[in-house]
Amino acid sequence: MVDRRYQLGMAWRMLLAFLLFFAIGIFLVFAPSMFGLLVGASLEELEPAGREFLILHRRIWPAVLFVLAGVFAYTALFSHRIAGPIYRINAVLQAMLRGEYPKSVALRKADHFHETAELLERLSRQLAGQREGDPQGSPADSGETR
């Protein structure tokens, strides 16, 4: 994990959001059985609702645990494709503040923010050109044509 706080925070927030939506879905699934148990007057009316309630209970909770664990793991892995580039971009910005101008920002193929990294590379080359005495930077570095 590159940014543990960000990645785990995002995973927990996603997990809570899915849990909220899942709780609403569970309520909708169990509502008919609960209603039957609440209004049933005789055993003949209560038995089918109770049986259905128990069957749903046995089938749904193991699935819930599996799905929530999967959502948490997927979110942690997915957030790595966001946190990694942000970490690298921040490192390049820190280097630029120290007067160093890296020529590239290395991102993995599946990472997000490739366009931002390219802009940062162009800015770094332009600032390096200005530092070397070219007040406008070179046209190739700034992306402009003259």
C-alpha atoms as a PDB file:
ATOM      1  CA  MET A   1       0.000   0.000   0.000  1.00  0.00           C
ATOM      2  CA  VAL A   2       1.342   3.372  -0.993  1.00  0.00           C
ATOM      3  CA  ASP A   3      -0.892   5.617   1.096  1.00  0.00           C
ATOM      4  CA  ARG A   4      -2.277   3.328   3.777  1.00  0.00           C
ATOM      5  CA  ARG A   5      -4.516   5.967   5.375  1.00  0.00           C
ATOM      6  CA  TYR A   6      -6.133   6.984   2.070  1.00  0.00           C
ATOM      7  CA  GLN A   7      -6.509   3.461   0.722  1.00  0.00           C
ATOM      8  CA  LEU A   8      -7.930   1.920   3.893  1.00  0.00           C
ATOM      9  CA  GLY A   9     -10.137   4.970   4.458  1.00  0.00           C
ATOM     10  CA  MET A  10     -11.553   4.628   0.952  1.00  0.00           C
ATOM     11  CA  ALA A  11     -12.066   0.882   1.425  1.00  0.00           C
ATOM     12  CA  TRP A  12     -13.908   1.420   4.721  1.00  0.00           C
ATOM     13  CA  ARG A  13     -16.107   4.162   3.242  1.00  0.00           C
ATOM     14  CA  MET A  14     -17.003   1.949   0.267  1.00  0.00           C
ATOM     15  CA  LEU A  15     -17.685  -0.950   2.597  1.00  0.00           C
ATOM     16  CA  LEU A  16     -20.019   1.190   4.715  1.00  0.00           C
ATOM     17  CA  ALA A  17     -21.833   2.480   1.635  1.00  0.00           C
ATOM     18  CA  PHE A  18     -22.339  -1.053   0.301  1.00  0.00           C
ATOM     19  CA  LEU A  19     -23.422  -2.191   3.750  1.00  0.00           C
ATOM     20  CA  LEU A  20     -26.040   0.570   3.877  1.00  0.00           C
ATOM     21  CA  PHE A  21     -27.436  -0.345   0.474  1.00  0.00           C
ATOM     22  CA  PHE A  22     -27.282  -4.014   1.337  1.00  0.00           C
ATOM     23  CA  ALA A  23     -29.169  -3.406   4.607  1.00  0.00           C
ATOM     24  CA  ILE A  24     -31.906  -1.680   2.639  1.00  0.00           C
ATOM     25  CA  GLY A  25     -31.998  -4.649   0.242  1.00  0.00           C
ATOM     26  CA  ILE A  26     -32.098  -7.118   3.140  1.00  0.00           C
ATOM     27  CA  PHE A  27     -35.002  -5.227   4.649  1.00  0.00           C
ATOM     28  CA  LEU A  28     -36.870  -5.453   1.347  1.00  0.00           C
ATOM     29  CA  VAL A  29     -36.135  -9.180   1.033  1.00  0.00           C
ATOM     30  CA  PHE A  30     -37.169 -10.002   4.598  1.00  0.00           C
ATOM     31  CA  ALA A  31     -40.117  -7.567   4.775  1.00  0.00           C
ATOM     32  CA  PRO A  32     -42.787  -9.975   3.458  1.00  0.00           C
ATOM     33  CA  SER A  33     -41.739 -12.683   5.919  1.00  0.00           C
ATOM     34  CA  MET A  34     -41.580 -10.222   8.804  1.00  0.00           C
ATOM     35  CA  PHE A  35     -44.998  -8.875   7.886  1.00  0.00           C
ATOM     36  CA  GLY A  36     -46.393 -12.415   7.778  1.00  0.00           C
ATOM     37  CA  LEU A  37     -44.949 -13.153  11.214  1.00  0.00           C
ATOM     38  CA  LEU A  38     -46.351  -9.928  12.664  1.00  0.00           C
ATOM     39  CA  VAL A  39     -49.920 -10.240  11.367  1.00  0.00           C
ATOM     40  CA  GLY A  40     -50.354 -14.011  11.304  1.00  0.00           C
ATOM     41  CA  ALA A  41     -52.912 -15.209  13.767  1.00  0.00           C
ATOM     42  CA  SER A  42     -52.675 -18.975  13.420  1.00  0.00           C
ATOM     43  CA  LEU A  43     -49.832 -21.463  13.138  1.00  0.00           C
ATOM     44  CA  GLU A  44     -50.841 -22.253   9.563  1.00  0.00           C
ATOM     45  CA  GLU A  45     -50.153 -18.604   8.636  1.00  0.00           C
ATOM     46  CA  LEU A  46     -46.976 -18.289  10.732  1.00  0.00           C
ATOM     47  CA  GLU A  47     -45.224 -21.493   9.659  1.00  0.00           C
ATOM     48  CA  PRO A  48     -44.568 -20.615   5.972  1.00  0.00           C
ATOM     49  CA  ALA A  49     -43.365 -17.117   6.873  1.00  0.00           C
ATOM     50  CA  GLY A  50     -41.114 -18.470   9.631  1.00  0.00           C
ATOM     51  CA  ARG A  51     -39.656 -21.165   7.360  1.00  0.00           C
ATOM     52  CA  GLU A  52     -38.979 -18.631   4.590  1.00  0.00           C
ATOM     53  CA  PHE A  53     -37.389 -16.273   7.105  1.00  0.00           C
ATOM     54  CA  LEU A  54     -35.009 -18.997   8.353  1.00  0.00           C
ATOM     55  CA  ILE A  55     -34.082 -20.111   4.830  1.00  0.00           C
ATOM     56  CA  LEU A  56     -33.267 -16.564   3.780  1.00  0.00           C
ATOM     57  CA  HIS A  57     -31.327 -16.079   6.995  1.00  0.00           C
ATOM     58  CA  ARG A  58     -29.145 -19.150   6.375  1.00  0.00           C
ATOM     59  CA  ARG A  59     -28.472 -18.270   2.732  1.00  0.00           C
ATOM     60  CA  ILE A  60     -28.000 -14.518   2.883  1.00  0.00           C
ATOM     61  CA  TRP A  61     -25.594 -13.918   5.777  1.00  0.00           C
ATOM     62  CA  PRO A  62     -22.715 -16.077   4.463  1.00  0.00           C
ATOM     63  CA  ALA A  63     -23.137 -14.362   1.083  1.00  0.00           C
ATOM     64  CA  VAL A  64     -23.146 -10.957   2.789  1.00  0.00           C
ATOM     65  CA  LEU A  65     -19.836 -11.658   4.519  1.00  0.00           C
ATOM     66  CA  PHE A  66     -18.269 -12.902   1.289  1.00  0.00           C
ATOM     67  CA  VAL A  67     -19.498  -9.895  -0.738  1.00  0.00           C
ATOM     68  CA  LEU A  68     -18.411  -7.337   1.855  1.00  0.00           C
ATOM     69  CA  ALA A  69     -14.946  -8.898   2.149  1.00  0.00           C
ATOM     70  CA  GLY A  70     -14.679  -8.838  -1.649  1.00  0.00           C
ATOM     71  CA  VAL A  71     -15.784  -5.195  -1.831  1.00  0.00           C
ATOM     72  CA  PHE A  72     -13.204  -4.216   0.796  1.00  0.00           C
ATOM     73  CA  ALA A  73     -10.371  -6.072  -0.954  1.00  0.00           C
ATOM     74  CA  TYR A  74     -11.315  -4.758  -4.404  1.00  0.00           C
ATOM     75  CA  THR A  75     -11.523  -1.181  -3.151  1.00  0.00           C
ATOM     76  CA  ALA A  76      -8.130  -1.454  -1.462  1.00  0.00           C
ATOM     77  CA  LEU A  77      -6.591  -2.783  -4.697  1.00  0.00           C
ATOM     78  CA  PHE A  78      -8.409  -0.268  -6.911  1.00  0.00           C
ATOM     79  CA  SER A  79      -7.404   2.669  -4.717  1.00  0.00           C
ATOM     80  CA  HIS A  80      -3.773   1.660  -5.245  1.00  0.00           C
ATOM     81  CA  ARG A  81      -4.156   2.836  -8.861  1.00  0.00           C
ATOM     82  CA  ILE A  82      -5.103   6.269  -7.516  1.00  0.00           C
ATOM     83  CA  ALA A  83      -2.886   6.553  -4.432  1.00  0.00           C
ATOM     84  CA  GLY A  84       0.269   5.436  -6.276  1.00  0.00           C
ATOM     85  CA  PRO A  85       0.137   8.172  -8.936  1.00  0.00           C
ATOM     86  CA  ILE A  86      -0.705  10.824  -6.354  1.00  0.00           C
ATOM     87  CA  TYR A  87       2.292   9.699  -4.297  1.00  0.00           C
ATOM     88  CA  ARG A  88       4.584   9.876  -7.350  1.00  0.00           C
ATOM     89  CA  ILE A  89       3.232  13.257  -8.469  1.00  0.00           C
ATOM     90  CA  ASN A  90       3.732  14.642  -4.956  1.00  0.00           C
ATOM     91  CA  ALA A  91       7.317  13.325  -4.967  1.00  0.00           C
ATOM     92  CA  VAL A  92       8.005  15.122  -8.274  1.00  0.00           C
ATOM     93  CA  LEU A  93       6.489  18.354  -6.920  1.00  0.00           C
ATOM     94  CA  GLN A  94       8.682  18.089  -3.797  1.00  0.00           C
ATOM     95  CA  ALA A  95      11.749  17.587  -6.022  1.00  0.00           C
ATOM     96  CA  MET A  96      10.770  20.640  -8.091  1.00  0.00           C
ATOM     97  CA  LEU A  97      10.500  22.715  -4.916  1.00  0.00           C
ATOM     98  CA  ARG A  98      14.069  21.642  -4.081  1.00  0.00           C
ATOM     99  CA  GLY A  99      15.195  22.897  -7.500  1.00  0.00           C
ATOM    100  CA  GLU A 100      15.395  19.474  -9.138  1.00  0.00           C
ATOM    101  CA  TYR A 101      13.467  18.981 -12.347  1.00  0.00           C
ATOM    102  CA  PRO A 102      12.789  15.305 -13.115  1.00  0.00           C
ATOM    103  CA  LYS A 103      12.352  14.487 -16.781  1.00  0.00           C
ATOM    104  CA  SER A 104       9.618  11.916 -16.228  1.00  0.00           C
ATOM    105  CA  VAL A 105       6.917  10.787 -13.847  1.00  0.00           C
ATOM    106  CA  ALA A 106       6.813   7.001 -13.936  1.00  0.00           C
ATOM    107  CA  LEU A 107       3.313   5.549 -13.673  1.00  0.00           C
ATOM    108  CA  ARG A 108       2.161   1.992 -14.195  1.00  0.00           C
ATOM    109  CA  LYS A 109       0.107   1.241 -17.297  1.00  0.00           C
ATOM    110  CA  ALA A 110      -3.158   0.716 -15.369  1.00  0.00           C
ATOM    111  CA  ASP A 111      -2.668   3.760 -13.093  1.00  0.00           C
ATOM    112  CA  HIS A 112      -4.929   6.762 -13.280  1.00  0.00           C
ATOM    113  CA  PHE A 113      -3.729  10.366 -13.877  1.00  0.00           C
ATOM    114  CA  HIS A 114      -1.494   9.733 -16.903  1.00  0.00           C
ATOM    115  CA  GLU A 115      -2.528  13.092 -18.404  1.00  0.00           C
ATOM    116  CA  THR A 116      -1.631  14.863 -15.153  1.00  0.00           C
ATOM    117  CA  ALA A 117       1.759  13.146 -15.127  1.00  0.00           C
ATOM    118  CA  GLU A 118       2.392  14.277 -18.717  1.00  0.00           C
ATOM    119  CA  LEU A 119       1.519  17.867 -17.820  1.00  0.00           C
ATOM    120  CA  LEU A 120       3.859  17.692 -14.839  1.00  0.00           C
ATOM    121  CA  GLU A 121       6.647  16.352 -17.053  1.00  0.00           C
ATOM    122  CA  ARG A 122       6.125  19.241 -19.491  1.00  0.00           C
ATOM    123  CA  LEU A 123       6.146  21.740 -16.616  1.00  0.00           C
ATOM    124  CA  SER A 124       9.327  20.219 -15.217  1.00  0.00           C
ATOM    125  CA  ARG A 125      11.084  20.383 -18.602  1.00  0.00           C
ATOM    126  CA  GLN A 126       9.925  23.966 -19.113  1.00  0.00           C
ATOM    127  CA  LEU A 127      11.155  25.047 -15.679  1.00  0.00           C
ATOM    128  CA  ALA A 128      14.456  23.234 -16.248  1.00  0.00           C
ATOM    129  CA  GLY A 129      14.814  25.117 -19.562  1.00  0.00           C
ATOM    130  CA  GLN A 130      14.124  28.436 -17.858  1.00  0.00           C
ATOM    131  CA  ARG A 131      16.688  27.649 -15.185  1.00  0.00           C
ATOM    132  CA  GLU A 132      19.307  26.942 -17.854  1.00  0.00           C
ATOM    133  CA  GLY A 133      18.835  30.396 -19.297  1.00  0.00           C
ATOM    134  CA  ASP A 134      16.017  30.028 -21.824  1.00  0.00           C
ATOM    135  CA  PRO A 135      13.315  32.315 -20.390  1.00  0.00           C
ATOM    136  CA  GLN A 136      10.516  30.706 -22.435  1.00  0.00           C
ATOM    137  CA  GLY A 137      11.622  27.096 -22.242  1.00  0.00           C
ATOM    138  CA  SER A 138      12.076  25.245 -25.479  1.00  0.00           C
ATOM    139  CA  PRO A 139       9.053  24.844 -27.765  1.00  0.00           C
ATOM    140  CA  ALA A 140       9.291  21.071 -27.697  1.00  0.00           C
ATOM    141  CA  ASP A 141       9.295  21.022 -23.913  1.00  0.00           C
ATOM    142  CA  SER A 142       6.365  23.364 -23.441  1.00  0.00           C
ATOM    143  CA  GLY A 143       4.214  21.719 -26.089  1.00  0.00           C
ATOM    144  CA  GLU A 144       3.884  24.986 -28.036  1.00  0.00           C
ATOM    145  CA  THR A 145       4.915  25.717 -31.599  1.00  0.00           C
ATOM    146  CA  ARG A 146       6.490  28.992 -32.629  1.00  0.00           C
END
